[in-house]
């Protein structure tokens, strides 16, 4: 969110209001759900995972071009997701 306000950042001109708003809502929902599980004494861990930029076709991107911009390979991007889902 800090970079979204920084005119020097690569994401400053990115405008995807629906996507960005949904991401913010999911983050807060994750926090509230985790608090609810704790409050109710349920042994359930709630995770939200941000793999960062991954070289995929998400949003119509060219994976090779995104990789040149520093995106991680898919296997590296999904590693933390798999780790948390199987813990």
PDB file of N, CA and C in Angstrom:
ATOM      1  N   UNK A   1       0.829  -1.184   0.000  1.00  0.00           N
ATOM      2  CA  UNK A   1       0.000   0.000   0.000  1.00  0.00           C
ATOM      3  C   UNK A   1       0.872   1.245   0.000  1.00  0.00           C
ATOM      4  N   UNK A   2       2.016   1.151   0.624  1.00  0.00           N
ATOM      5  CA  UNK A   2       2.922   2.296   0.629  1.00  0.00           C
ATOM      6  C   UNK A   2       3.372   2.627  -0.788  1.00  0.00           C
ATOM      7  N   UNK A   3       3.722   1.603  -1.562  1.00  0.00           N
ATOM      8  CA  UNK A   3       4.179   1.841  -2.930  1.00  0.00           C
ATOM      9  C   UNK A   3       3.075   2.398  -3.820  1.00  0.00           C
ATOM     10  N   UNK A   4       1.837   2.100  -3.515  1.00  0.00           N
ATOM     11  CA  UNK A   4       0.729   2.638  -4.306  1.00  0.00           C
ATOM     12  C   UNK A   4       0.637   4.154  -4.189  1.00  0.00           C
ATOM     13  N   UNK A   5       1.227   4.706  -3.128  1.00  0.00           N
ATOM     14  CA  UNK A   5       1.235   6.160  -2.916  1.00  0.00           C
ATOM     15  C   UNK A   5       2.542   6.814  -3.340  1.00  0.00           C
ATOM     16  N   UNK A   6       3.499   6.012  -3.768  1.00  0.00           N
ATOM     17  CA  UNK A   6       4.828   6.509  -4.133  1.00  0.00           C
ATOM     18  C   UNK A   6       4.924   6.701  -5.645  1.00  0.00           C
ATOM     19  N   UNK A   7       4.988   7.943  -6.130  1.00  0.00           N
ATOM     20  CA  UNK A   7       5.053   8.196  -7.572  1.00  0.00           C
ATOM     21  C   UNK A   7       6.258   7.539  -8.255  1.00  0.00           C
ATOM     22  N   UNK A   8       7.286   7.177  -7.500  1.00  0.00           N
ATOM     23  CA  UNK A   8       8.467   6.540  -8.067  1.00  0.00           C
ATOM     24  C   UNK A   8       8.327   5.019  -8.181  1.00  0.00           C
ATOM     25  N   UNK A   9       7.308   4.442  -7.564  1.00  0.00           N
ATOM     26  CA  UNK A   9       7.128   2.988  -7.553  1.00  0.00           C
ATOM     27  C   UNK A   9       6.490   2.499  -8.857  1.00  0.00           C
ATOM     28  N   UNK A  10       6.832   1.279  -9.237  1.00  0.00           N
ATOM     29  CA  UNK A  10       6.295   0.709 -10.481  1.00  0.00           C
ATOM     30  C   UNK A  10       4.788   0.479 -10.409  1.00  0.00           C
ATOM     31  N   UNK A  11       4.234   0.356  -9.219  1.00  0.00           N
ATOM     32  CA  UNK A  11       2.797   0.097  -9.079  1.00  0.00           C
ATOM     33  C   UNK A  11       1.967   1.366  -8.897  1.00  0.00           C
ATOM     34  N   UNK A  12       2.611   2.513  -8.885  1.00  0.00           N
ATOM     35  CA  UNK A  12       1.901   3.768  -8.628  1.00  0.00           C
ATOM     36  C   UNK A  12       0.749   3.987  -9.610  1.00  0.00           C
ATOM     37  N   UNK A  13       0.950   3.678 -10.872  1.00  0.00           N
ATOM     38  CA  UNK A  13      -0.075   3.930 -11.888  1.00  0.00           C
ATOM     39  C   UNK A  13      -1.048   2.764 -12.076  1.00  0.00           C
ATOM     40  N   UNK A  14      -0.850   1.690 -11.325  1.00  0.00           N
ATOM     41  CA  UNK A  14      -1.744   0.535 -11.431  1.00  0.00           C
ATOM     42  C   UNK A  14      -3.123   0.912 -10.887  1.00  0.00           C
ATOM     43  N   UNK A  15      -4.145   0.689 -11.688  1.00  0.00           N
ATOM     44  CA  UNK A  15      -5.506   0.985 -11.265  1.00  0.00           C
ATOM     45  C   UNK A  15      -6.372  -0.238 -11.572  1.00  0.00           C
ATOM     46  N   UNK A  16      -6.729  -0.914 -10.523  1.00  0.00           N
ATOM     47  CA  UNK A  16      -7.619  -2.076 -10.613  1.00  0.00           C
ATOM     48  C   UNK A  16      -8.478  -2.037  -9.356  1.00  0.00           C
ATOM     49  N   UNK A  17      -9.342  -1.044  -9.272  1.00  0.00           N
ATOM     50  CA  UNK A  17     -10.068  -0.741  -8.046  1.00  0.00           C
ATOM     51  C   UNK A  17     -10.789  -1.966  -7.479  1.00  0.00           C
ATOM     52  N   UNK A  18     -11.466  -2.700  -8.321  1.00  0.00           N
ATOM     53  CA  UNK A  18     -12.187  -3.880  -7.837  1.00  0.00           C
ATOM     54  C   UNK A  18     -11.258  -4.915  -7.246  1.00  0.00           C
ATOM     55  N   UNK A  19     -10.187  -5.230  -7.960  1.00  0.00           N
ATOM     56  CA  UNK A  19      -9.203  -6.215  -7.479  1.00  0.00           C
ATOM     57  C   UNK A  19      -8.532  -5.721  -6.206  1.00  0.00           C
ATOM     58  N   UNK A  20      -8.100  -4.468  -6.203  1.00  0.00           N
ATOM     59  CA  UNK A  20      -7.393  -3.927  -5.041  1.00  0.00           C
ATOM     60  C   UNK A  20      -8.304  -3.868  -3.814  1.00  0.00           C
ATOM     61  N   UNK A  21      -9.544  -3.492  -4.006  1.00  0.00           N
ATOM     62  CA  UNK A  21     -10.500  -3.438  -2.896  1.00  0.00           C
ATOM     63  C   UNK A  21     -10.788  -4.834  -2.360  1.00  0.00           C
ATOM     64  N   UNK A  22     -10.928  -5.782  -3.262  1.00  0.00           N
ATOM     65  CA  UNK A  22     -11.190  -7.160  -2.843  1.00  0.00           C
ATOM     66  C   UNK A  22     -10.018  -7.717  -2.048  1.00  0.00           C
ATOM     67  N   UNK A  23      -8.786  -7.409  -2.466  1.00  0.00           N
ATOM     68  CA  UNK A  23      -7.604  -7.866  -1.729  1.00  0.00           C
ATOM     69  C   UNK A  23      -7.593  -7.297  -0.317  1.00  0.00           C
ATOM     70  N   UNK A  24      -7.923  -6.032  -0.171  1.00  0.00           N
ATOM     71  CA  UNK A  24      -7.959  -5.413   1.156  1.00  0.00           C
ATOM     72  C   UNK A  24      -9.036  -6.069   2.019  1.00  0.00           C
ATOM     73  N   UNK A  25     -10.182  -6.353   1.424  1.00  0.00           N
ATOM     74  CA  UNK A  25     -11.272  -7.003   2.165  1.00  0.00           C
ATOM     75  C   UNK A  25     -10.874  -8.409   2.598  1.00  0.00           C
ATOM     76  N   UNK A  26     -10.225  -9.158   1.723  1.00  0.00           N
ATOM     77  CA  UNK A  26      -9.784 -10.516   2.065  1.00  0.00           C
ATOM     78  C   UNK A  26      -8.781 -10.480   3.209  1.00  0.00           C
ATOM     79  N   UNK A  27      -7.880  -9.506   3.192  1.00  0.00           N
ATOM     80  CA  UNK A  27      -6.909  -9.387   4.278  1.00  0.00           C
ATOM     81  C   UNK A  27      -7.611  -9.166   5.616  1.00  0.00           C
ATOM     82  N   UNK A  28      -8.569  -8.267   5.673  1.00  0.00           N
ATOM     83  CA  UNK A  28      -9.266  -8.008   6.929  1.00  0.00           C
ATOM     84  C   UNK A  28     -10.141  -9.193   7.325  1.00  0.00           C
ATOM     85  N   UNK A  29     -10.770  -9.844   6.358  1.00  0.00           N
ATOM     86  CA  UNK A  29     -11.569 -11.038   6.661  1.00  0.00           C
ATOM     87  C   UNK A  29     -10.693 -12.114   7.290  1.00  0.00           C
ATOM     88  N   UNK A  30      -9.482 -12.275   6.777  1.00  0.00           N
ATOM     89  CA  UNK A  30      -8.547 -13.260   7.331  1.00  0.00           C
ATOM     90  C   UNK A  30      -8.232 -12.942   8.785  1.00  0.00           C
ATOM     91  N   UNK A  31      -7.959 -11.681   9.082  1.00  0.00           N
ATOM     92  CA  UNK A  31      -7.661 -11.261  10.451  1.00  0.00           C
ATOM     93  C   UNK A  31      -8.858 -11.554  11.365  1.00  0.00           C
ATOM     94  N   UNK A  32     -10.049 -11.174  10.927  1.00  0.00           N
ATOM     95  CA  UNK A  32     -11.234 -11.360  11.762  1.00  0.00           C
ATOM     96  C   UNK A  32     -11.547 -12.843  11.958  1.00  0.00           C
ATOM     97  N   UNK A  33     -11.377 -13.647  10.928  1.00  0.00           N
ATOM     98  CA  UNK A  33     -11.634 -15.083  11.037  1.00  0.00           C
ATOM     99  C   UNK A  33     -10.638 -15.736  11.999  1.00  0.00           C
ATOM    100  N   UNK A  34      -9.382 -15.334  11.938  1.00  0.00           N
ATOM    101  CA  UNK A  34      -8.375 -15.861  12.866  1.00  0.00           C
ATOM    102  C   UNK A  34      -8.735 -15.500  14.305  1.00  0.00           C
ATOM    103  N   UNK A  35      -9.170 -14.267  14.532  1.00  0.00           N
ATOM    104  CA  UNK A  35      -9.578 -13.848  15.871  1.00  0.00           C
ATOM    105  C   UNK A  35     -10.777 -14.653  16.357  1.00  0.00           C
ATOM    106  N   UNK A  36     -11.708 -14.926  15.463  1.00  0.00           N
ATOM    107  CA  UNK A  36     -12.896 -15.703  15.817  1.00  0.00           C
ATOM    108  C   UNK A  36     -12.514 -17.126  16.221  1.00  0.00           C
ATOM    109  N   UNK A  37     -11.609 -17.738  15.479  1.00  0.00           N
ATOM    110  CA  UNK A  37     -11.175 -19.104  15.806  1.00  0.00           C
ATOM    111  C   UNK A  37     -10.512 -19.136  17.186  1.00  0.00           C
ATOM    112  N   UNK A  38      -9.684 -18.133  17.470  1.00  0.00           N
ATOM    113  CA  UNK A  38      -9.015 -18.042  18.765  1.00  0.00           C
ATOM    114  C   UNK A  38     -10.036 -17.809  19.878  1.00  0.00           C
ATOM    115  N   UNK A  39     -10.932 -16.872  19.660  1.00  0.00           N
ATOM    116  CA  UNK A  39     -11.955 -16.539  20.659  1.00  0.00           C
ATOM    117  C   UNK A  39     -12.810 -17.751  21.023  1.00  0.00           C
ATOM    118  N   UNK A  40     -13.142 -18.553  20.003  1.00  0.00           N
ATOM    119  CA  UNK A  40     -14.001 -19.717  20.218  1.00  0.00           C
ATOM    120  C   UNK A  40     -13.217 -20.960  20.645  1.00  0.00           C
ATOM    121  N   UNK A  41     -11.901 -20.814  20.806  1.00  0.00           N
ATOM    122  CA  UNK A  41     -11.074 -21.932  21.250  1.00  0.00           C
ATOM    123  C   UNK A  41     -10.961 -23.051  20.230  1.00  0.00           C
ATOM    124  N   UNK A  42     -11.141 -22.728  18.976  1.00  0.00           N
ATOM    125  CA  UNK A  42     -11.057 -23.745  17.918  1.00  0.00           C
ATOM    126  C   UNK A  42      -9.609 -23.907  17.457  1.00  0.00           C
ATOM    127  N   UNK A  43      -9.152 -25.128  17.298  1.00  0.00           N
ATOM    128  CA  UNK A  43      -7.764 -25.372  16.887  1.00  0.00           C
ATOM    129  C   UNK A  43      -7.580 -25.243  15.374  1.00  0.00           C
ATOM    130  N   UNK A  44      -7.958 -24.105  14.852  1.00  0.00           N
ATOM    131  CA  UNK A  44      -7.888 -23.869  13.406  1.00  0.00           C
ATOM    132  C   UNK A  44      -7.000 -22.661  13.156  1.00  0.00           C
ATOM    133  N   UNK A  45      -6.012 -22.834  12.299  1.00  0.00           N
ATOM    134  CA  UNK A  45      -5.133 -21.742  11.912  1.00  0.00           C
ATOM    135  C   UNK A  45      -5.658 -21.131  10.622  1.00  0.00           C
ATOM    136  N   UNK A  46      -5.712 -19.822  10.584  1.00  0.00           N
ATOM    137  CA  UNK A  46      -6.176 -19.108   9.394  1.00  0.00           C
ATOM    138  C   UNK A  46      -4.974 -18.400   8.783  1.00  0.00           C
ATOM    139  N   UNK A  47      -4.730 -18.638   7.514  1.00  0.00           N
ATOM    140  CA  UNK A  47      -3.591 -18.042   6.820  1.00  0.00           C
ATOM    141  C   UNK A  47      -4.042 -17.261   5.602  1.00  0.00           C
ATOM    142  N   UNK A  48      -3.316 -16.207   5.321  1.00  0.00           N
ATOM    143  CA  UNK A  48      -3.449 -15.489   4.057  1.00  0.00           C
ATOM    144  C   UNK A  48      -2.040 -15.458   3.473  1.00  0.00           C
ATOM    145  N   UNK A  49      -1.911 -15.838   2.240  1.00  0.00           N
ATOM    146  CA  UNK A  49      -0.592 -15.974   1.638  1.00  0.00           C
ATOM    147  C   UNK A  49      -0.459 -15.021   0.462  1.00  0.00           C
ATOM    148  N   UNK A  50       0.636 -14.295   0.442  1.00  0.00           N
ATOM    149  CA  UNK A  50       0.960 -13.414  -0.679  1.00  0.00           C
ATOM    150  C   UNK A  50       2.272 -13.918  -1.264  1.00  0.00           C
ATOM    151  N   UNK A  51       2.200 -14.643  -2.360  1.00  0.00           N
ATOM    152  CA  UNK A  51       3.430 -15.188  -2.933  1.00  0.00           C
ATOM    153  C   UNK A  51       4.292 -14.146  -3.629  1.00  0.00           C
ATOM    154  N   UNK A  52       3.791 -12.923  -3.718  1.00  0.00           N
ATOM    155  CA  UNK A  52       4.521 -11.919  -4.477  1.00  0.00           C
ATOM    156  C   UNK A  52       4.261 -12.125  -5.964  1.00  0.00           C
ATOM    157  N   UNK A  53       5.092 -11.529  -6.766  1.00  0.00           N
ATOM    158  CA  UNK A  53       4.911 -11.620  -8.212  1.00  0.00           C
ATOM    159  C   UNK A  53       5.411 -12.983  -8.701  1.00  0.00           C
ATOM    160  N   UNK A  54       4.540 -13.708  -9.390  1.00  0.00           N
ATOM    161  CA  UNK A  54       4.856 -15.040  -9.897  1.00  0.00           C
ATOM    162  C   UNK A  54       4.658 -15.028 -11.408  1.00  0.00           C
ATOM    163  N   UNK A  55       5.550 -15.684 -12.116  1.00  0.00           N
ATOM    164  CA  UNK A  55       5.527 -15.696 -13.581  1.00  0.00           C
ATOM    165  C   UNK A  55       4.409 -16.600 -14.104  1.00  0.00           C
ATOM    166  N   UNK A  56       3.201 -16.037 -14.164  1.00  0.00           N
ATOM    167  CA  UNK A  56       2.039 -16.758 -14.677  1.00  0.00           C
ATOM    168  C   UNK A  56       1.335 -15.880 -15.720  1.00  0.00           C
ATOM    169  N   UNK A  57       0.216 -16.371 -16.225  1.00  0.00           N
ATOM    170  CA  UNK A  57      -0.582 -15.610 -17.186  1.00  0.00           C
ATOM    171  C   UNK A  57      -1.670 -14.799 -16.495  1.00  0.00           C
ATOM    172  N   UNK A  58      -1.578 -14.660 -15.168  1.00  0.00           N
ATOM    173  CA  UNK A  58      -2.584 -13.913 -14.413  1.00  0.00           C
ATOM    174  C   UNK A  58      -2.774 -12.523 -15.009  1.00  0.00           C
ATOM    175  N   UNK A  59      -4.002 -12.142 -15.219  1.00  0.00           N
ATOM    176  CA  UNK A  59      -4.316 -10.818 -15.749  1.00  0.00           C
ATOM    177  C   UNK A  59      -3.911 -10.642 -17.199  1.00  0.00           C
ATOM    178  N   UNK A  60      -3.690 -11.745 -17.912  1.00  0.00           N
ATOM    179  CA  UNK A  60      -3.322 -11.666 -19.315  1.00  0.00           C
ATOM    180  C   UNK A  60      -1.847 -11.404 -19.559  1.00  0.00           C
ATOM    181  N   UNK A  61      -1.035 -11.579 -18.521  1.00  0.00           N
ATOM    182  CA  UNK A  61       0.402 -11.314 -18.648  1.00  0.00           C
ATOM    183  C   UNK A  61       1.122 -12.419 -19.414  1.00  0.00           C
ATOM    184  N   UNK A  62       2.272 -12.079 -19.944  1.00  0.00           N
ATOM    185  CA  UNK A  62       3.168 -13.045 -20.581  1.00  0.00           C
ATOM    186  C   UNK A  62       4.169 -13.498 -19.516  1.00  0.00           C
ATOM    187  N   UNK A  63       4.129 -14.782 -19.103  1.00  0.00           N
ATOM    188  CA  UNK A  63       5.002 -15.255 -18.029  1.00  0.00           C
ATOM    189  C   UNK A  63       6.484 -14.947 -18.243  1.00  0.00           C
ATOM    190  N   UNK A  64       6.963 -15.019 -19.465  1.00  0.00           N
ATOM    191  CA  UNK A  64       8.385 -14.735 -19.720  1.00  0.00           C
ATOM    192  C   UNK A  64       8.705 -13.267 -19.473  1.00  0.00           C
ATOM    193  N   UNK A  65       7.806 -12.393 -19.889  1.00  0.00           N
ATOM    194  CA  UNK A  65       8.011 -10.962 -19.674  1.00  0.00           C
ATOM    195  C   UNK A  65       7.948 -10.636 -18.177  1.00  0.00           C
ATOM    196  N   UNK A  66       7.016 -11.254 -17.472  1.00  0.00           N
ATOM    197  CA  UNK A  66       6.881 -11.017 -16.038  1.00  0.00           C
ATOM    198  C   UNK A  66       8.120 -11.537 -15.307  1.00  0.00           C
ATOM    199  N   UNK A  67       8.670 -12.645 -15.760  1.00  0.00           N
ATOM    200  CA  UNK A  67       9.897 -13.191 -15.156  1.00  0.00           C
ATOM    201  C   UNK A  67      11.049 -12.198 -15.311  1.00  0.00           C
ATOM    202  N   UNK A  68      11.116 -11.531 -16.449  1.00  0.00           N
ATOM    203  CA  UNK A  68      12.165 -10.530 -16.670  1.00  0.00           C
ATOM    204  C   UNK A  68      12.031  -9.353 -15.714  1.00  0.00           C
ATOM    205  N   UNK A  69      10.813  -9.155 -15.193  1.00  0.00           N
ATOM    206  CA  UNK A  69      10.571  -8.064 -14.247  1.00  0.00           C
ATOM    207  C   UNK A  69      10.825  -8.507 -12.803  1.00  0.00           C
ATOM    208  N   UNK A  70      11.297  -9.751 -12.647  1.00  0.00           N
ATOM    209  CA  UNK A  70      11.638 -10.235 -11.313  1.00  0.00           C
ATOM    210  C   UNK A  70      10.660 -11.215 -10.698  1.00  0.00           C
ATOM    211  N   UNK A  71       9.675 -11.659 -11.465  1.00  0.00           N
ATOM    212  CA  UNK A  71       8.709 -12.613 -10.929  1.00  0.00           C
ATOM    213  C   UNK A  71       9.376 -13.952 -10.637  1.00  0.00           C
ATOM    214  N   UNK A  72       8.884 -14.604  -9.594  1.00  0.00           N
ATOM    215  CA  UNK A  72       9.388 -15.918  -9.210  1.00  0.00           C
ATOM    216  C   UNK A  72       8.815 -16.987 -10.145  1.00  0.00           C
ATOM    217  N   UNK A  73       9.542 -18.099 -10.288  1.00  0.00           N
ATOM    218  CA  UNK A  73       8.959 -19.241 -11.006  1.00  0.00           C
ATOM    219  C   UNK A  73       7.763 -19.785 -10.213  1.00  0.00           C
ATOM    220  N   UNK A  74       6.841 -20.451 -10.877  1.00  0.00           N
ATOM    221  CA  UNK A  74       5.626 -20.949 -10.236  1.00  0.00           C
ATOM    222  C   UNK A  74       5.942 -21.858  -9.053  1.00  0.00           C
ATOM    223  N   UNK A  75       6.883 -22.783  -9.202  1.00  0.00           N
ATOM    224  CA  UNK A  75       7.172 -23.709  -8.100  1.00  0.00           C
ATOM    225  C   UNK A  75       7.653 -22.973  -6.855  1.00  0.00           C
ATOM    226  N   UNK A  76       8.380 -21.910  -7.028  1.00  0.00           N
ATOM    227  CA  UNK A  76       8.832 -21.110  -5.888  1.00  0.00           C
ATOM    228  C   UNK A  76       7.674 -20.288  -5.320  1.00  0.00           C
ATOM    229  N   UNK A  77       6.836 -19.767  -6.186  1.00  0.00           N
ATOM    230  CA  UNK A  77       5.707 -18.958  -5.749  1.00  0.00           C
ATOM    231  C   UNK A  77       4.668 -19.746  -4.964  1.00  0.00           C
ATOM    232  N   UNK A  78       4.510 -21.009  -5.282  1.00  0.00           N
ATOM    233  CA  UNK A  78       3.489 -21.832  -4.629  1.00  0.00           C
ATOM    234  C   UNK A  78       4.025 -22.549  -3.387  1.00  0.00           C
ATOM    235  N   UNK A  79       5.323 -22.533  -3.166  1.00  0.00           N
ATOM    236  CA  UNK A  79       5.936 -23.308  -2.078  1.00  0.00           C
ATOM    237  C   UNK A  79       5.331 -22.989  -0.708  1.00  0.00           C
ATOM    238  N   UNK A  80       5.193 -21.723  -0.371  1.00  0.00           N
ATOM    239  CA  UNK A  80       4.657 -21.356   0.946  1.00  0.00           C
ATOM    240  C   UNK A  80       3.194 -21.764   1.074  1.00  0.00           C
ATOM    241  N   UNK A  81       2.433 -21.665   0.001  1.00  0.00           N
ATOM    242  CA  UNK A  81       1.038 -22.077   0.014  1.00  0.00           C
ATOM    243  C   UNK A  81       0.934 -23.563   0.347  1.00  0.00           C
ATOM    244  N   UNK A  82       1.720 -24.371  -0.319  1.00  0.00           N
ATOM    245  CA  UNK A  82       1.715 -25.817  -0.076  1.00  0.00           C
ATOM    246  C   UNK A  82       2.166 -26.104   1.356  1.00  0.00           C
ATOM    247  N   UNK A  83       3.197 -25.419   1.811  1.00  0.00           N
ATOM    248  CA  UNK A  83       3.695 -25.622   3.169  1.00  0.00           C
ATOM    249  C   UNK A  83       2.602 -25.356   4.212  1.00  0.00           C
ATOM    250  N   UNK A  84       1.903 -24.240   4.089  1.00  0.00           N
ATOM    251  CA  UNK A  84       0.871 -23.904   5.070  1.00  0.00           C
ATOM    252  C   UNK A  84      -0.359 -24.801   4.943  1.00  0.00           C
ATOM    253  N   UNK A  85      -0.712 -25.184   3.742  1.00  0.00           N
ATOM    254  CA  UNK A  85      -1.884 -26.035   3.538  1.00  0.00           C
ATOM    255  C   UNK A  85      -1.674 -27.450   4.074  1.00  0.00           C
ATOM    256  N   UNK A  86      -0.439 -27.876   4.148  1.00  0.00           N
ATOM    257  CA  UNK A  86      -0.166 -29.234   4.590  1.00  0.00           C
ATOM    258  C   UNK A  86       0.368 -29.304   6.019  1.00  0.00           C
ATOM    259  N   UNK A  87       0.475 -28.152   6.686  1.00  0.00           N
ATOM    260  CA  UNK A  87       1.000 -28.177   8.069  1.00  0.00           C
ATOM    261  C   UNK A  87      -0.089 -28.523   9.061  1.00  0.00           C
TER     262      UNK A  87
END
